[in-house]
Amino acid sequence: MTMRQQGSADLAAPRRRSAGLRLVLLVIGSLLFAGFFALGTWQVQRLQWKLALIERVNERVHAAPVDAPAVADWPQVSAERDEYRHVRLSGVYALDATARVQASTELG
């Protein structure tokens, strides 16, 4: 074999990666896989939560109004139970007790 043939044979032969490089690539690949798997799992859980939220809001928005809770029941009112719930109120408008006010903010 001549020197020229030996040089071209070296170029054609694939180089083997060292065991250390293979280990590093395996660790990086495993970490990426675990990270993407965790993100995918989180997205599926978030989707389930979002669908349940949409269902709860639709159910409460389209439900018939209920009587407003009495003052004694106010401590039991919570966002989980009463969010988006329509309530029914009745009363008398006290025109003589009205006052004109002007909104003011920090900007004037």
N, C-alpha and C. Protein backbone atom coordinates (compact mmCIF):
# COMPACT_ATOMS: atom_id res chain seq x y z
N MET A 1 0.85 -1.15 0.00
CA MET A 1 0.00 0.00 0.00
C MET A 1 0.91 1.23 0.00
N THR A 2 0.60 2.14 -0.86
CA THR A 2 1.42 3.34 -0.94
C THR A 2 0.95 4.33 0.10
N MET A 3 1.75 5.36 0.26
CA MET A 3 1.43 6.39 1.24
C MET A 3 0.14 7.11 0.87
N ARG A 4 -0.10 7.30 -0.41
CA ARG A 4 -1.29 7.99 -0.88
C ARG A 4 -2.54 7.14 -0.61
N GLN A 5 -2.44 5.86 -0.85
CA GLN A 5 -3.57 4.96 -0.60
C GLN A 5 -3.87 4.86 0.89
N GLN A 6 -2.83 4.85 1.71
CA GLN A 6 -3.01 4.76 3.14
C GLN A 6 -3.69 6.02 3.68
N GLY A 7 -3.36 7.21 3.18
CA GLY A 7 -3.96 8.47 3.60
C GLY A 7 -5.43 8.54 3.25
N SER A 8 -5.79 8.07 2.05
CA SER A 8 -7.19 8.09 1.66
C SER A 8 -7.98 7.04 2.45
N ALA A 9 -7.36 5.94 2.82
CA ALA A 9 -8.03 4.93 3.63
C ALA A 9 -8.32 5.47 5.03
N ASP A 10 -7.40 6.30 5.56
CA ASP A 10 -7.62 6.90 6.87
C ASP A 10 -8.78 7.89 6.84
N LEU A 11 -8.92 8.62 5.74
CA LEU A 11 -10.00 9.59 5.63
C LEU A 11 -11.35 8.90 5.49
N ALA A 12 -11.40 7.77 4.84
CA ALA A 12 -12.66 7.06 4.62
C ALA A 12 -13.12 6.33 5.87
N ALA A 13 -12.24 5.94 6.73
CA ALA A 13 -12.62 5.19 7.93
C ALA A 13 -13.27 6.13 8.95
N PRO A 14 -14.43 5.75 9.52
CA PRO A 14 -15.08 6.59 10.52
C PRO A 14 -14.26 6.62 11.81
N ARG A 15 -14.24 7.77 12.41
CA ARG A 15 -13.51 7.89 13.69
C ARG A 15 -14.44 7.47 14.83
N ARG A 16 -13.93 6.73 15.75
CA ARG A 16 -14.71 6.31 16.91
C ARG A 16 -14.64 7.38 17.98
N ARG A 17 -15.76 7.63 18.60
CA ARG A 17 -15.79 8.61 19.68
C ARG A 17 -15.26 7.96 20.95
N SER A 18 -14.68 8.77 21.78
CA SER A 18 -14.15 8.24 23.03
C SER A 18 -15.30 7.87 23.97
N ALA A 19 -15.03 7.02 24.92
CA ALA A 19 -16.05 6.57 25.87
C ALA A 19 -16.55 7.73 26.73
N GLY A 20 -15.67 8.67 27.05
CA GLY A 20 -16.06 9.83 27.86
C GLY A 20 -17.05 10.72 27.13
N LEU A 21 -16.78 10.94 25.84
CA LEU A 21 -17.69 11.77 25.03
C LEU A 21 -19.05 11.08 24.89
N ARG A 22 -19.03 9.78 24.70
CA ARG A 22 -20.30 9.04 24.61
C ARG A 22 -21.10 9.15 25.90
N LEU A 23 -20.41 9.08 27.01
CA LEU A 23 -21.08 9.19 28.31
C LEU A 23 -21.68 10.59 28.49
N VAL A 24 -20.94 11.61 28.13
CA VAL A 24 -21.43 12.98 28.25
C VAL A 24 -22.65 13.17 27.36
N LEU A 25 -22.60 12.70 26.12
CA LEU A 25 -23.74 12.81 25.22
C LEU A 25 -24.95 12.04 25.74
N LEU A 26 -24.71 10.88 26.32
CA LEU A 26 -25.80 10.09 26.90
C LEU A 26 -26.45 10.82 28.07
N VAL A 27 -25.65 11.43 28.93
CA VAL A 27 -26.18 12.17 30.08
C VAL A 27 -26.98 13.38 29.61
N ILE A 28 -26.43 14.13 28.65
CA ILE A 28 -27.13 15.30 28.12
C ILE A 28 -28.45 14.88 27.46
N GLY A 29 -28.41 13.82 26.67
CA GLY A 29 -29.62 13.33 26.03
C GLY A 29 -30.66 12.88 27.04
N SER A 30 -30.21 12.21 28.09
CA SER A 30 -31.13 11.75 29.14
C SER A 30 -31.76 12.93 29.87
N LEU A 31 -30.95 13.96 30.17
CA LEU A 31 -31.49 15.14 30.84
C LEU A 31 -32.49 15.88 29.95
N LEU A 32 -32.18 15.99 28.67
CA LEU A 32 -33.12 16.64 27.75
C LEU A 32 -34.42 15.84 27.65
N PHE A 33 -34.31 14.53 27.56
CA PHE A 33 -35.51 13.69 27.50
C PHE A 33 -36.36 13.87 28.76
N ALA A 34 -35.71 13.83 29.93
CA ALA A 34 -36.44 13.98 31.19
C ALA A 34 -37.09 15.36 31.28
N GLY A 35 -36.37 16.40 30.84
CA GLY A 35 -36.93 17.75 30.88
C GLY A 35 -38.12 17.90 29.96
N PHE A 36 -38.01 17.39 28.73
CA PHE A 36 -39.12 17.48 27.79
C PHE A 36 -40.31 16.64 28.25
N PHE A 37 -40.05 15.50 28.85
CA PHE A 37 -41.12 14.66 29.38
C PHE A 37 -41.85 15.38 30.51
N ALA A 38 -41.08 16.03 31.40
CA ALA A 38 -41.70 16.78 32.50
C ALA A 38 -42.53 17.94 31.97
N LEU A 39 -42.02 18.65 30.98
CA LEU A 39 -42.78 19.76 30.40
C LEU A 39 -44.06 19.27 29.73
N GLY A 40 -43.98 18.16 29.03
CA GLY A 40 -45.17 17.60 28.39
C GLY A 40 -46.21 17.17 29.41
N THR A 41 -45.77 16.55 30.50
CA THR A 41 -46.68 16.14 31.56
C THR A 41 -47.35 17.36 32.18
N TRP A 42 -46.57 18.41 32.42
CA TRP A 42 -47.11 19.63 32.99
C TRP A 42 -48.16 20.24 32.06
N GLN A 43 -47.90 20.23 30.76
CA GLN A 43 -48.85 20.77 29.80
C GLN A 43 -50.17 19.99 29.80
N VAL A 44 -50.09 18.68 29.91
CA VAL A 44 -51.31 17.86 29.94
C VAL A 44 -52.10 18.15 31.22
N GLN A 45 -51.42 18.28 32.35
CA GLN A 45 -52.10 18.60 33.61
C GLN A 45 -52.72 19.99 33.54
N ARG A 46 -52.01 20.92 32.94
CA ARG A 46 -52.53 22.29 32.79
C ARG A 46 -53.76 22.29 31.88
N LEU A 47 -53.75 21.49 30.84
CA LEU A 47 -54.91 21.39 29.95
C LEU A 47 -56.12 20.88 30.72
N GLN A 48 -55.95 19.85 31.53
CA GLN A 48 -57.06 19.30 32.31
C GLN A 48 -57.61 20.35 33.27
N TRP A 49 -56.72 21.10 33.93
CA TRP A 49 -57.14 22.16 34.85
C TRP A 49 -57.92 23.23 34.10
N LYS A 50 -57.42 23.63 32.93
CA LYS A 50 -58.07 24.69 32.14
C LYS A 50 -59.45 24.25 31.66
N LEU A 51 -59.57 23.01 31.20
CA LEU A 51 -60.87 22.51 30.76
C LEU A 51 -61.86 22.46 31.91
N ALA A 52 -61.41 22.06 33.10
CA ALA A 52 -62.29 22.04 34.27
C ALA A 52 -62.72 23.45 34.65
N LEU A 53 -61.81 24.41 34.54
CA LEU A 53 -62.14 25.80 34.84
C LEU A 53 -63.18 26.34 33.86
N ILE A 54 -62.99 26.08 32.59
CA ILE A 54 -63.95 26.54 31.57
C ILE A 54 -65.31 25.92 31.82
N GLU A 55 -65.35 24.64 32.14
CA GLU A 55 -66.62 23.96 32.41
C GLU A 55 -67.31 24.57 33.63
N ARG A 56 -66.54 24.84 34.69
CA ARG A 56 -67.12 25.42 35.91
C ARG A 56 -67.67 26.82 35.63
N VAL A 57 -66.92 27.63 34.88
CA VAL A 57 -67.38 28.99 34.57
C VAL A 57 -68.65 28.93 33.72
N ASN A 58 -68.66 28.10 32.68
CA ASN A 58 -69.84 27.98 31.83
C ASN A 58 -71.07 27.53 32.62
N GLU A 59 -70.85 26.59 33.51
CA GLU A 59 -71.96 26.07 34.33
C GLU A 59 -72.54 27.17 35.21
N ARG A 60 -71.68 27.96 35.84
CA ARG A 60 -72.15 29.00 36.76
C ARG A 60 -72.71 30.21 36.03
N VAL A 61 -72.13 30.57 34.90
CA VAL A 61 -72.60 31.74 34.15
C VAL A 61 -74.01 31.50 33.61
N HIS A 62 -74.29 30.29 33.18
CA HIS A 62 -75.58 29.98 32.59
C HIS A 62 -76.60 29.44 33.59
N ALA A 63 -76.23 29.34 34.85
CA ALA A 63 -77.16 28.85 35.87
C ALA A 63 -78.14 29.96 36.26
N ALA A 64 -79.26 29.56 36.79
CA ALA A 64 -80.26 30.53 37.26
C ALA A 64 -79.71 31.26 38.49
N PRO A 65 -80.06 32.54 38.65
CA PRO A 65 -79.58 33.27 39.83
C PRO A 65 -80.13 32.70 41.13
N VAL A 66 -79.34 32.80 42.17
CA VAL A 66 -79.75 32.33 43.50
C VAL A 66 -79.79 33.53 44.43
N ASP A 67 -80.44 33.37 45.58
CA ASP A 67 -80.49 34.46 46.56
C ASP A 67 -79.08 34.75 47.07
N ALA A 68 -78.80 36.02 47.28
CA ALA A 68 -77.50 36.41 47.81
C ALA A 68 -77.36 35.86 49.23
N PRO A 69 -76.14 35.52 49.64
CA PRO A 69 -75.98 34.98 50.99
C PRO A 69 -76.29 36.03 52.05
N ALA A 70 -76.82 35.57 53.14
CA ALA A 70 -77.11 36.47 54.26
C ALA A 70 -75.79 36.93 54.88
N VAL A 71 -75.86 38.01 55.63
CA VAL A 71 -74.65 38.57 56.25
C VAL A 71 -73.95 37.52 57.12
N ALA A 72 -74.69 36.69 57.79
CA ALA A 72 -74.11 35.66 58.65
C ALA A 72 -73.34 34.62 57.84
N ASP A 73 -73.69 34.45 56.56
CA ASP A 73 -73.03 33.45 55.71
C ASP A 73 -71.82 34.00 54.97
N TRP A 74 -71.52 35.29 55.08
CA TRP A 74 -70.41 35.89 54.34
C TRP A 74 -69.06 35.24 54.62
N PRO A 75 -68.77 34.80 55.86
CA PRO A 75 -67.46 34.15 56.07
C PRO A 75 -67.28 32.85 55.27
N GLN A 76 -68.40 32.19 54.90
CA GLN A 76 -68.30 30.95 54.15
C GLN A 76 -68.19 31.18 52.64
N VAL A 77 -68.35 32.42 52.17
CA VAL A 77 -68.26 32.71 50.74
C VAL A 77 -66.80 32.54 50.31
N SER A 78 -66.62 31.77 49.24
CA SER A 78 -65.26 31.56 48.73
C SER A 78 -65.26 31.60 47.20
N ALA A 79 -64.12 31.86 46.63
CA ALA A 79 -64.00 31.91 45.17
C ALA A 79 -64.28 30.54 44.57
N GLU A 80 -63.81 29.49 45.22
CA GLU A 80 -64.02 28.13 44.70
C GLU A 80 -65.50 27.79 44.56
N ARG A 81 -66.27 28.18 45.56
CA ARG A 81 -67.68 27.81 45.59
C ARG A 81 -68.58 28.83 44.90
N ASP A 82 -68.21 30.12 44.95
CA ASP A 82 -69.15 31.16 44.54
C ASP A 82 -68.67 32.02 43.37
N GLU A 83 -67.52 31.75 42.84
CA GLU A 83 -67.01 32.55 41.73
C GLU A 83 -67.94 32.41 40.51
N TYR A 84 -68.25 33.51 39.86
CA TYR A 84 -69.11 33.59 38.67
C TYR A 84 -70.56 33.19 38.94
N ARG A 85 -70.96 33.11 40.18
CA ARG A 85 -72.34 32.74 40.50
C ARG A 85 -73.23 33.97 40.41
N HIS A 86 -74.35 33.85 39.72
CA HIS A 86 -75.30 34.94 39.62
C HIS A 86 -76.17 34.95 40.88
N VAL A 87 -76.39 36.15 41.42
CA VAL A 87 -77.22 36.27 42.61
C VAL A 87 -78.40 37.19 42.31
N ARG A 88 -79.43 37.04 43.11
CA ARG A 88 -80.66 37.82 42.96
C ARG A 88 -80.75 38.74 44.19
N LEU A 89 -80.99 40.02 43.94
CA LEU A 89 -81.11 41.00 45.02
C LEU A 89 -82.42 41.77 44.85
N SER A 90 -82.90 42.29 45.93
CA SER A 90 -84.06 43.18 45.88
C SER A 90 -83.83 44.27 46.92
N GLY A 91 -84.44 45.40 46.66
CA GLY A 91 -84.28 46.52 47.60
C GLY A 91 -85.00 47.74 47.10
N VAL A 92 -84.81 48.83 47.83
CA VAL A 92 -85.45 50.10 47.49
C VAL A 92 -84.33 51.11 47.29
N TYR A 93 -84.40 51.86 46.20
CA TYR A 93 -83.39 52.87 45.91
C TYR A 93 -83.69 54.11 46.75
N ALA A 94 -82.74 54.53 47.56
CA ALA A 94 -82.90 55.69 48.44
C ALA A 94 -82.33 56.92 47.74
N LEU A 95 -83.15 57.59 46.98
CA LEU A 95 -82.70 58.74 46.20
C LEU A 95 -82.19 59.87 47.09
N ASP A 96 -82.82 60.08 48.25
CA ASP A 96 -82.40 61.17 49.14
C ASP A 96 -81.05 60.89 49.82
N ALA A 97 -80.56 59.67 49.77
CA ALA A 97 -79.28 59.33 50.40
C ALA A 97 -78.12 59.31 49.40
N THR A 98 -78.36 59.76 48.18
CA THR A 98 -77.30 59.75 47.18
C THR A 98 -76.40 60.96 47.36
N ALA A 99 -75.17 60.84 46.90
CA ALA A 99 -74.21 61.93 46.95
C ALA A 99 -73.41 61.92 45.67
N ARG A 100 -73.13 63.10 45.13
CA ARG A 100 -72.29 63.19 43.94
C ARG A 100 -70.84 63.13 44.36
N VAL A 101 -70.09 62.31 43.66
CA VAL A 101 -68.66 62.20 43.95
C VAL A 101 -67.90 62.26 42.65
N GLN A 102 -66.66 62.64 42.75
CA GLN A 102 -65.81 62.68 41.57
C GLN A 102 -64.63 61.75 41.84
N ALA A 103 -64.37 60.89 40.89
CA ALA A 103 -63.26 59.95 41.04
C ALA A 103 -61.94 60.71 40.95
N SER A 104 -61.02 60.37 41.79
CA SER A 104 -59.69 60.97 41.70
C SER A 104 -58.66 59.86 41.80
N THR A 105 -57.58 60.05 41.08
CA THR A 105 -56.50 59.07 41.09
C THR A 105 -55.21 59.75 41.50
N GLU A 106 -54.14 59.01 41.55
CA GLU A 106 -52.84 59.58 41.88
C GLU A 106 -52.39 60.60 40.83
N LEU A 107 -52.91 60.44 39.61
CA LEU A 107 -52.53 61.34 38.52
C LEU A 107 -53.39 62.60 38.49
N GLY A 108 -54.40 62.68 39.34
CA GLY A 108 -55.22 63.88 39.37
C GLY A 108 -56.52 63.70 38.79
